[in-house]
Every structure is written in C-alpha cells, then in structure tokens.
N, C-alpha and C. Protein backbone atom coordinates (compact mmCIF):
# COMPACT_ATOMS: atom_id res chain seq x y z
N MET A 1 14.90 -18.60 -12.02
CA MET A 1 13.71 -17.80 -11.83
C MET A 1 12.45 -18.59 -12.22
N ARG A 2 12.61 -19.45 -13.21
CA ARG A 2 11.46 -20.25 -13.65
C ARG A 2 10.96 -21.12 -12.50
N GLU A 3 11.87 -21.79 -11.82
CA GLU A 3 11.50 -22.66 -10.71
C GLU A 3 10.90 -21.86 -9.56
N LEU A 4 11.44 -20.69 -9.34
CA LEU A 4 10.95 -19.82 -8.28
C LEU A 4 9.49 -19.45 -8.50
N SER A 5 9.13 -19.16 -9.73
CA SER A 5 7.75 -18.76 -10.03
C SER A 5 6.77 -19.92 -9.87
N GLN A 6 7.25 -21.15 -9.80
CA GLN A 6 6.38 -22.31 -9.64
C GLN A 6 6.14 -22.69 -8.18
N LEU A 7 6.85 -22.04 -7.26
CA LEU A 7 6.68 -22.33 -5.84
C LEU A 7 5.38 -21.73 -5.32
N PRO A 8 4.79 -22.35 -4.30
CA PRO A 8 3.63 -21.72 -3.64
C PRO A 8 4.05 -20.36 -3.08
N MET A 9 3.10 -19.45 -2.94
CA MET A 9 3.38 -18.06 -2.57
C MET A 9 4.20 -17.93 -1.29
N THR A 10 3.89 -18.68 -0.24
CA THR A 10 4.63 -18.53 1.02
C THR A 10 6.08 -18.98 0.86
N GLU A 11 6.30 -20.07 0.15
CA GLU A 11 7.67 -20.54 -0.09
C GLU A 11 8.41 -19.57 -1.00
N ARG A 12 7.71 -19.01 -1.97
CA ARG A 12 8.33 -18.05 -2.89
C ARG A 12 8.81 -16.82 -2.15
N ARG A 13 8.00 -16.31 -1.23
CA ARG A 13 8.41 -15.13 -0.45
C ARG A 13 9.66 -15.42 0.37
N ARG A 14 9.70 -16.60 0.98
CA ARG A 14 10.86 -16.97 1.79
C ARG A 14 12.11 -17.10 0.90
N ALA A 15 11.94 -17.73 -0.26
CA ALA A 15 13.07 -17.90 -1.19
C ALA A 15 13.56 -16.54 -1.71
N LEU A 16 12.64 -15.64 -2.02
CA LEU A 16 13.03 -14.31 -2.50
C LEU A 16 13.78 -13.52 -1.43
N LYS A 17 13.36 -13.68 -0.19
CA LYS A 17 14.04 -13.01 0.91
C LYS A 17 15.49 -13.49 0.99
N GLN A 18 15.69 -14.78 0.89
CA GLN A 18 17.04 -15.35 0.93
C GLN A 18 17.86 -14.92 -0.28
N LEU A 19 17.22 -14.94 -1.45
CA LEU A 19 17.91 -14.53 -2.68
C LEU A 19 18.33 -13.07 -2.62
N ASN A 20 17.47 -12.21 -2.09
CA ASN A 20 17.81 -10.80 -1.95
C ASN A 20 18.94 -10.59 -0.95
N PHE A 21 19.04 -11.45 0.04
CA PHE A 21 20.12 -11.33 1.02
C PHE A 21 21.45 -11.81 0.44
N LEU A 22 21.44 -12.97 -0.22
CA LEU A 22 22.68 -13.58 -0.70
C LEU A 22 23.04 -13.24 -2.14
N GLY A 23 22.04 -12.97 -2.95
CA GLY A 23 22.25 -12.81 -4.38
C GLY A 23 22.92 -11.51 -4.78
N GLU A 24 23.37 -11.50 -6.02
CA GLU A 24 24.02 -10.32 -6.58
C GLU A 24 23.82 -10.35 -8.09
N HIS A 25 23.77 -9.18 -8.69
CA HIS A 25 23.67 -9.12 -10.15
C HIS A 25 25.01 -9.45 -10.79
N VAL A 26 24.96 -10.04 -11.96
CA VAL A 26 26.17 -10.42 -12.68
C VAL A 26 27.06 -9.21 -12.94
N GLU A 27 26.46 -8.10 -13.32
CA GLU A 27 27.27 -6.92 -13.65
C GLU A 27 27.93 -6.30 -12.42
N THR A 28 27.52 -6.68 -11.25
CA THR A 28 28.18 -6.22 -10.02
C THR A 28 29.43 -7.04 -9.74
N THR A 29 29.31 -8.35 -9.84
CA THR A 29 30.41 -9.23 -9.45
C THR A 29 31.42 -9.47 -10.56
N THR A 30 31.00 -9.49 -11.81
CA THR A 30 31.88 -9.88 -12.91
C THR A 30 33.15 -9.04 -13.01
N PRO A 31 33.09 -7.71 -13.02
CA PRO A 31 34.33 -6.93 -13.13
C PRO A 31 35.31 -7.25 -11.99
N TRP A 32 34.79 -7.39 -10.79
CA TRP A 32 35.63 -7.69 -9.63
C TRP A 32 36.31 -9.05 -9.79
N ILE A 33 35.54 -10.07 -10.20
CA ILE A 33 36.08 -11.42 -10.37
C ILE A 33 37.10 -11.48 -11.50
N VAL A 34 36.79 -10.85 -12.62
CA VAL A 34 37.72 -10.85 -13.76
C VAL A 34 39.03 -10.16 -13.39
N GLU A 35 38.94 -9.05 -12.67
CA GLU A 35 40.14 -8.35 -12.22
C GLU A 35 41.02 -9.28 -11.36
N ARG A 36 40.39 -10.02 -10.46
CA ARG A 36 41.15 -10.94 -9.60
C ARG A 36 41.77 -12.08 -10.41
N ILE A 37 41.02 -12.60 -11.36
CA ILE A 37 41.53 -13.71 -12.19
C ILE A 37 42.74 -13.25 -13.00
N LEU A 38 42.63 -12.09 -13.63
CA LEU A 38 43.72 -11.60 -14.46
C LEU A 38 44.95 -11.22 -13.65
N ALA A 39 44.75 -10.79 -12.42
CA ALA A 39 45.87 -10.40 -11.57
C ALA A 39 46.52 -11.61 -10.89
N ASP A 40 45.84 -12.73 -10.91
CA ASP A 40 46.33 -13.93 -10.22
C ASP A 40 47.38 -14.64 -11.06
N SER A 41 48.54 -14.86 -10.49
CA SER A 41 49.60 -15.55 -11.24
C SER A 41 49.87 -16.94 -10.68
N LYS A 42 49.15 -17.31 -9.66
CA LYS A 42 49.38 -18.59 -9.01
C LYS A 42 48.15 -19.49 -9.18
N GLN A 43 48.36 -20.70 -9.57
CA GLN A 43 47.26 -21.63 -9.77
C GLN A 43 46.70 -22.08 -8.43
N GLY A 44 45.37 -22.20 -8.36
CA GLY A 44 44.72 -22.73 -7.18
C GLY A 44 44.33 -21.71 -6.13
N ASN A 45 44.53 -20.43 -6.39
CA ASN A 45 44.13 -19.40 -5.43
C ASN A 45 42.62 -19.33 -5.32
N ASP A 46 42.15 -18.96 -4.16
CA ASP A 46 40.73 -18.83 -3.89
C ASP A 46 40.28 -17.40 -4.19
N ILE A 47 39.21 -17.27 -4.97
CA ILE A 47 38.63 -15.96 -5.26
C ILE A 47 37.20 -16.00 -4.74
N THR A 48 36.96 -15.29 -3.65
CA THR A 48 35.66 -15.34 -2.98
C THR A 48 35.02 -13.97 -2.97
N TRP A 49 33.85 -13.87 -3.56
CA TRP A 49 33.11 -12.60 -3.57
C TRP A 49 32.36 -12.40 -2.25
N LEU A 50 31.59 -13.39 -1.87
CA LEU A 50 30.74 -13.24 -0.69
C LEU A 50 31.48 -13.74 0.55
N THR A 51 32.31 -12.88 1.08
CA THR A 51 33.13 -13.22 2.23
C THR A 51 32.32 -13.10 3.52
N SER A 52 32.89 -13.56 4.61
CA SER A 52 32.24 -13.43 5.92
C SER A 52 31.98 -11.96 6.24
N ARG A 53 32.92 -11.12 5.87
CA ARG A 53 32.77 -9.68 6.13
C ARG A 53 31.57 -9.10 5.37
N ARG A 54 31.44 -9.46 4.10
CA ARG A 54 30.29 -8.96 3.32
C ARG A 54 28.98 -9.48 3.89
N LEU A 55 28.96 -10.75 4.30
CA LEU A 55 27.76 -11.31 4.91
C LEU A 55 27.40 -10.57 6.19
N LEU A 56 28.40 -10.27 7.01
CA LEU A 56 28.16 -9.54 8.24
C LEU A 56 27.63 -8.14 7.94
N GLN A 57 28.20 -7.46 6.95
CA GLN A 57 27.72 -6.13 6.57
C GLN A 57 26.27 -6.19 6.12
N ARG A 58 25.92 -7.20 5.34
CA ARG A 58 24.53 -7.33 4.89
C ARG A 58 23.60 -7.61 6.06
N ALA A 59 24.02 -8.47 6.98
CA ALA A 59 23.20 -8.79 8.13
C ALA A 59 22.98 -7.56 9.00
N LEU A 60 24.05 -6.81 9.25
CA LEU A 60 23.92 -5.58 10.04
C LEU A 60 23.04 -4.56 9.32
N GLY A 61 23.22 -4.46 8.01
CA GLY A 61 22.37 -3.55 7.24
C GLY A 61 20.91 -3.93 7.33
N ALA A 62 20.63 -5.23 7.27
CA ALA A 62 19.24 -5.70 7.37
C ALA A 62 18.66 -5.39 8.75
N LEU A 63 19.48 -5.50 9.79
CA LEU A 63 19.02 -5.18 11.15
C LEU A 63 18.63 -3.71 11.28
N PHE A 64 19.34 -2.86 10.56
CA PHE A 64 19.09 -1.42 10.66
C PHE A 64 18.24 -0.88 9.52
N GLY A 65 17.52 -1.77 8.85
CA GLY A 65 16.52 -1.34 7.89
C GLY A 65 16.95 -1.23 6.44
N ALA A 66 18.19 -1.52 6.12
CA ALA A 66 18.63 -1.47 4.72
C ALA A 66 18.05 -2.69 4.00
N ARG A 67 17.27 -2.45 2.97
CA ARG A 67 16.64 -3.55 2.25
C ARG A 67 17.26 -3.68 0.87
N ARG A 68 17.70 -4.88 0.56
CA ARG A 68 18.25 -5.17 -0.77
C ARG A 68 17.11 -5.74 -1.60
N ASP A 69 17.03 -5.33 -2.84
CA ASP A 69 15.99 -5.86 -3.73
C ASP A 69 16.59 -6.12 -5.10
N ILE A 70 17.29 -7.23 -5.23
CA ILE A 70 17.90 -7.54 -6.52
C ILE A 70 16.93 -8.26 -7.45
N THR A 71 15.82 -8.73 -6.94
CA THR A 71 14.88 -9.49 -7.77
C THR A 71 13.82 -8.63 -8.44
N SER A 72 13.79 -7.34 -8.14
CA SER A 72 12.72 -6.49 -8.67
C SER A 72 12.75 -6.35 -10.19
N ARG A 73 13.90 -6.57 -10.81
CA ARG A 73 13.97 -6.45 -12.28
C ARG A 73 13.41 -7.67 -13.00
N TYR A 74 13.08 -8.70 -12.25
CA TYR A 74 12.56 -9.93 -12.86
C TYR A 74 11.05 -10.03 -12.62
N PRO A 75 10.33 -10.55 -13.60
CA PRO A 75 8.85 -10.62 -13.47
C PRO A 75 8.41 -11.80 -12.59
N ILE A 76 8.55 -11.63 -11.29
CA ILE A 76 8.14 -12.66 -10.34
C ILE A 76 7.01 -12.11 -9.51
N GLU A 77 5.90 -12.79 -9.50
CA GLU A 77 4.76 -12.36 -8.71
C GLU A 77 5.00 -12.72 -7.24
N VAL A 78 4.82 -11.74 -6.37
CA VAL A 78 5.05 -11.97 -4.93
C VAL A 78 3.76 -11.95 -4.18
C-alpha cells in the first residue's frame, strides 16, 4: 500500500482497479487455505484460491455492474 500511495494519480487508479479485481482480504482466504492444507495428506498438491472459474465469475460480475472494493478500508487517496 505504501508503494501504491506514491504512484501518480492516473497510475494509482489503474492499479487500484486491478487490485480490486484480483485482490482479496486475508480473512477471506485464510480459513479456506488452512482447511485445504490440513486436509491434504499428499505432498506437492496444488492449492489454488483464484481459479479460472473465480476469475470468470469476477469478470462476468464486473460486466453486469458488480463492483468489488477491497481497498476502501485502507487510507489511499484516489
């Protein structure tokens, strides 16, 4: 977030848009990831949160007006 606040305003807006599309809060992903790790009994398995399906759902949601705003809790001037 520190580096983000040092970007020029136009670049910052673009970066925030991408972060809101791809990003997620720690408290959202952590329980899911920990559950998968603890249930995994085989070494080397892949644990992926942001799958192609989730990306597609976010893209479709964005097309139909669903706006994600995960950065609003941080003091970043837009």
